[in-house]
Amino acid sequence: MHINLSLAPIVALIAGILILLMPKLLNYIIALYLIVVGLLGLFGTGGTLHFR
């Protein structure tokens, strides 16, 4: 069984929920998201996780 999950939509969903619950976290969430996306781009994983 293959489950393909893209990382960006999962992170965006979690970030959106946290922003709704605690709006003051917006700056931290955006900063962490940008750092994660940047690191994934640098290391070439393309932001896709493959679970088997």
Protein backbone atom coordinates (compact mmCIF):
# COMPACT_ATOMS: atom_id res chain seq x y z
CA MET A 1 0.00 0.00 0.00
CA HIS A 2 1.40 3.38 -1.01
CA ILE A 3 0.40 6.63 0.66
CA ASN A 4 1.84 9.76 -0.94
CA LEU A 5 1.62 12.88 1.17
CA SER A 6 2.82 16.28 0.11
CA LEU A 7 4.44 18.18 2.96
CA ALA A 8 3.35 21.72 2.03
CA PRO A 9 -0.44 21.18 2.35
CA ILE A 10 -0.03 19.41 5.69
CA VAL A 11 2.14 22.19 7.10
CA ALA A 12 -0.24 24.83 5.71
CA LEU A 13 -3.24 23.11 7.32
CA ILE A 14 -1.55 22.88 10.71
CA ALA A 15 -0.35 26.48 10.46
CA GLY A 16 -3.83 27.69 9.52
CA ILE A 17 -5.41 25.96 12.50
CA LEU A 18 -2.79 27.35 14.88
CA ILE A 19 -3.26 30.86 13.49
CA LEU A 20 -7.01 30.61 14.06
CA LEU A 21 -6.48 29.41 17.63
CA MET A 22 -3.64 31.77 18.54
CA PRO A 23 -3.25 34.72 16.13
CA LYS A 24 -0.12 35.98 17.94
CA LEU A 25 1.74 32.92 16.65
CA LEU A 26 1.42 34.12 13.05
CA ASN A 27 4.98 35.47 12.78
CA TYR A 28 6.52 32.33 14.26
CA ILE A 29 4.45 30.00 12.10
CA ILE A 30 5.35 31.88 8.91
CA ALA A 31 9.02 31.94 9.88
CA LEU A 32 9.10 28.21 10.61
CA TYR A 33 7.22 27.42 7.41
CA LEU A 34 9.67 29.43 5.32
CA ILE A 35 12.65 27.81 7.03
CA VAL A 36 11.26 24.31 6.46
CA VAL A 37 10.42 24.99 2.80
CA GLY A 38 13.85 26.54 2.27
CA LEU A 39 15.65 23.57 3.82
CA LEU A 40 13.60 21.11 1.80
CA GLY A 41 14.41 23.06 -1.35
CA LEU A 42 18.13 23.13 -0.56
CA PHE A 43 18.37 19.43 0.18
CA GLY A 44 16.28 18.48 -2.84
CA THR A 45 13.52 16.41 -1.28
CA GLY A 46 10.93 18.42 -3.18
CA GLY A 47 8.61 18.56 -0.19
CA THR A 48 7.11 15.12 -0.83
CA LEU A 49 7.05 12.32 1.71
CA HIS A 50 6.52 8.73 0.59
CA PHE A 51 5.25 6.20 3.12
CA ARG A 52 5.23 2.49 2.39
